[in-house]
C-alpha atoms as a PDB file:
ATOM      1  CA  UNK A   1     -10.112 -13.492  -6.010  1.00  0.00           C
ATOM      2  CA  UNK A   2      -8.204 -12.391  -2.697  1.00  0.00           C
ATOM      3  CA  UNK A   3      -8.496  -8.638  -2.488  1.00  0.00           C
ATOM      4  CA  UNK A   4      -5.376  -6.593  -1.955  1.00  0.00           C
ATOM      5  CA  UNK A   5      -5.059  -4.862   1.184  1.00  0.00           C
ATOM      6  CA  UNK A   6      -5.999  -0.664  -0.613  1.00  0.00           C
ATOM      7  CA  UNK A   7      -9.663  -2.225  -1.678  1.00  0.00           C
ATOM      8  CA  UNK A   8     -11.516  -1.392   1.293  1.00  0.00           C
ATOM      9  CA  UNK A   9     -14.900  -3.182   2.463  1.00  0.00           C
ATOM     10  CA  UNK A  10     -18.264  -1.413   3.733  1.00  0.00           C
ATOM     11  CA  UNK A  11     -19.593  -2.816   6.424  1.00  0.00           C
ATOM     12  CA  UNK A  12     -22.561  -2.062   9.126  1.00  0.00           C
ATOM     13  CA  UNK A  13     -21.569  -2.301  12.439  1.00  0.00           C
ATOM     14  CA  UNK A  14     -23.413  -2.670  16.056  1.00  0.00           C
ATOM     15  CA  UNK A  15     -22.942  -1.083  18.786  1.00  0.00           C
ATOM     16  CA  UNK A  16     -22.231  -4.642  21.748  1.00  0.00           C
ATOM     17  CA  UNK A  17     -22.311  -4.945  25.080  1.00  0.00           C
ATOM     18  CA  UNK A  18     -19.589  -7.611  25.900  1.00  0.00           C
ATOM     19  CA  UNK A  19     -17.502  -7.385  29.100  1.00  0.00           C
ATOM     20  CA  UNK A  20     -14.014  -8.480  29.033  1.00  0.00           C
ATOM     21  CA  UNK A  21     -11.027  -9.156  31.717  1.00  0.00           C
ATOM     22  CA  UNK A  22      -9.922  -6.146  32.964  1.00  0.00           C
ATOM     23  CA  UNK A  23      -6.170  -6.214  32.201  1.00  0.00           C
ATOM     24  CA  UNK A  24      -7.343  -7.867  29.014  1.00  0.00           C
ATOM     25  CA  UNK A  25      -9.296  -5.034  28.329  1.00  0.00           C
ATOM     26  CA  UNK A  26      -6.032  -2.325  29.253  1.00  0.00           C
ATOM     27  CA  UNK A  27      -3.687  -4.254  26.748  1.00  0.00           C
ATOM     28  CA  UNK A  28      -5.931  -4.697  23.678  1.00  0.00           C
ATOM     29  CA  UNK A  29      -6.797  -0.792  24.429  1.00  0.00           C
ATOM     30  CA  UNK A  30      -2.808   0.429  24.148  1.00  0.00           C
ATOM     31  CA  UNK A  31      -1.917  -2.121  21.641  1.00  0.00           C
ATOM     32  CA  UNK A  32      -5.078  -0.323  19.360  1.00  0.00           C
ATOM     33  CA  UNK A  33      -3.742   3.041  20.538  1.00  0.00           C
ATOM     34  CA  UNK A  34      -0.120   2.269  19.196  1.00  0.00           C
ATOM     35  CA  UNK A  35      -1.518   1.014  15.712  1.00  0.00           C
ATOM     36  CA  UNK A  36      -3.602   4.053  15.579  1.00  0.00           C
ATOM     37  CA  UNK A  37      -6.828   1.892  15.141  1.00  0.00           C
ATOM     38  CA  UNK A  38      -9.960   1.570  17.337  1.00  0.00           C
ATOM     39  CA  UNK A  39     -10.304  -1.352  19.763  1.00  0.00           C
ATOM     40  CA  UNK A  40     -13.301  -2.609  17.799  1.00  0.00           C
ATOM     41  CA  UNK A  41     -11.568  -2.873  14.613  1.00  0.00           C
ATOM     42  CA  UNK A  42      -8.313  -4.425  16.615  1.00  0.00           C
ATOM     43  CA  UNK A  43     -10.972  -7.466  17.745  1.00  0.00           C
ATOM     44  CA  UNK A  44     -12.473  -7.993  14.029  1.00  0.00           C
ATOM     45  CA  UNK A  45      -8.634  -7.977  12.721  1.00  0.00           C
ATOM     46  CA  UNK A  46      -8.346 -10.925  15.553  1.00  0.00           C
ATOM     47  CA  UNK A  47     -11.341 -12.615  15.446  1.00  0.00           C
ATOM     48  CA  UNK A  48     -11.645 -12.573  11.116  1.00  0.00           C
ATOM     49  CA  UNK A  49      -8.279 -14.546  11.684  1.00  0.00           C
ATOM     50  CA  UNK A  50      -9.042 -16.636  14.462  1.00  0.00           C
ATOM     51  CA  UNK A  51     -11.743 -17.848  12.266  1.00  0.00           C
ATOM     52  CA  UNK A  52      -9.104 -18.674   9.933  1.00  0.00           C
ATOM     53  CA  UNK A  53      -6.599 -20.530  12.119  1.00  0.00           C
ATOM     54  CA  UNK A  54      -4.187 -17.590  11.425  1.00  0.00           C
ATOM     55  CA  UNK A  55      -2.080 -15.350  13.845  1.00  0.00           C
ATOM     56  CA  UNK A  56      -2.828 -12.286  13.657  1.00  0.00           C
ATOM     57  CA  UNK A  57       0.168 -10.754  14.838  1.00  0.00           C
ATOM     58  CA  UNK A  58       3.695 -10.170  13.581  1.00  0.00           C
ATOM     59  CA  UNK A  59       6.760 -11.378  15.721  1.00  0.00           C
ATOM     60  CA  UNK A  60       7.528  -7.574  16.314  1.00  0.00           C
ATOM     61  CA  UNK A  61       3.556  -6.911  17.360  1.00  0.00           C
ATOM     62  CA  UNK A  62       3.830  -9.961  19.835  1.00  0.00           C
ATOM     63  CA  UNK A  63       7.005  -8.287  21.086  1.00  0.00           C
ATOM     64  CA  UNK A  64       5.102  -4.769  22.082  1.00  0.00           C
ATOM     65  CA  UNK A  65       1.761  -6.920  23.505  1.00  0.00           C
ATOM     66  CA  UNK A  66       4.558  -8.954  25.764  1.00  0.00           C
ATOM     67  CA  UNK A  67       5.135  -5.651  27.168  1.00  0.00           C
ATOM     68  CA  UNK A  68       2.179  -4.826  27.263  1.00  0.00           C
ATOM     69  CA  UNK A  69       0.627  -7.530  29.007  1.00  0.00           C
ATOM     70  CA  UNK A  70       3.985  -6.703  32.121  1.00  0.00           C
ATOM     71  CA  UNK A  71       2.777  -3.223  32.712  1.00  0.00           C
ATOM     72  CA  UNK A  72      -0.801  -3.630  32.647  1.00  0.00           C
ATOM     73  CA  UNK A  73      -0.332  -6.821  34.692  1.00  0.00           C
ATOM     74  CA  UNK A  74      -1.970  -9.467  32.278  1.00  0.00           C
ATOM     75  CA  UNK A  75      -1.173 -12.943  33.551  1.00  0.00           C
ATOM     76  CA  UNK A  76      -4.168 -15.134  32.279  1.00  0.00           C
ATOM     77  CA  UNK A  77      -3.203 -17.035  28.796  1.00  0.00           C
ATOM     78  CA  UNK A  78      -5.176 -19.294  26.352  1.00  0.00           C
ATOM     79  CA  UNK A  79      -5.260 -21.765  29.219  1.00  0.00           C
ATOM     80  CA  UNK A  80      -7.389 -19.259  31.180  1.00  0.00           C
ATOM     81  CA  UNK A  81      -9.989 -18.950  28.917  1.00  0.00           C
ATOM     82  CA  UNK A  82     -12.714 -21.781  29.745  1.00  0.00           C
ATOM     83  CA  UNK A  83     -11.631 -21.284  33.468  1.00  0.00           C
ATOM     84  CA  UNK A  84     -12.335 -17.392  33.946  1.00  0.00           C
ATOM     85  CA  UNK A  85     -15.441 -16.660  36.410  1.00  0.00           C
ATOM     86  CA  UNK A  86     -16.777 -12.684  37.185  1.00  0.00           C
ATOM     87  CA  UNK A  87     -15.844 -12.134  40.790  1.00  0.00           C
ATOM     88  CA  UNK A  88     -18.417 -11.834  43.731  1.00  0.00           C
ATOM     89  CA  UNK A  89     -20.021  -8.870  43.001  1.00  0.00           C
ATOM     90  CA  UNK A  90     -18.714  -7.958  39.845  1.00  0.00           C
END
């Protein structure tokens, strides 16, 4: 039986040492701040949606993300995902 949005689920969270592209982190942090949630909560939601092949963001949120991408200079897109590499010395 699907849960209603009001129900909460107790989970055990762990600290992780994930490295992400700098501008992407800036956009995600700004979005999580706008949504009044932690960066971890935002990433959990995005990943859970992706694992089910669902769109995690509304049209309004996608418009905000487009603005944040412009502000923070994020030019990467989904087609970039398999071509990323660390800069030398990074």
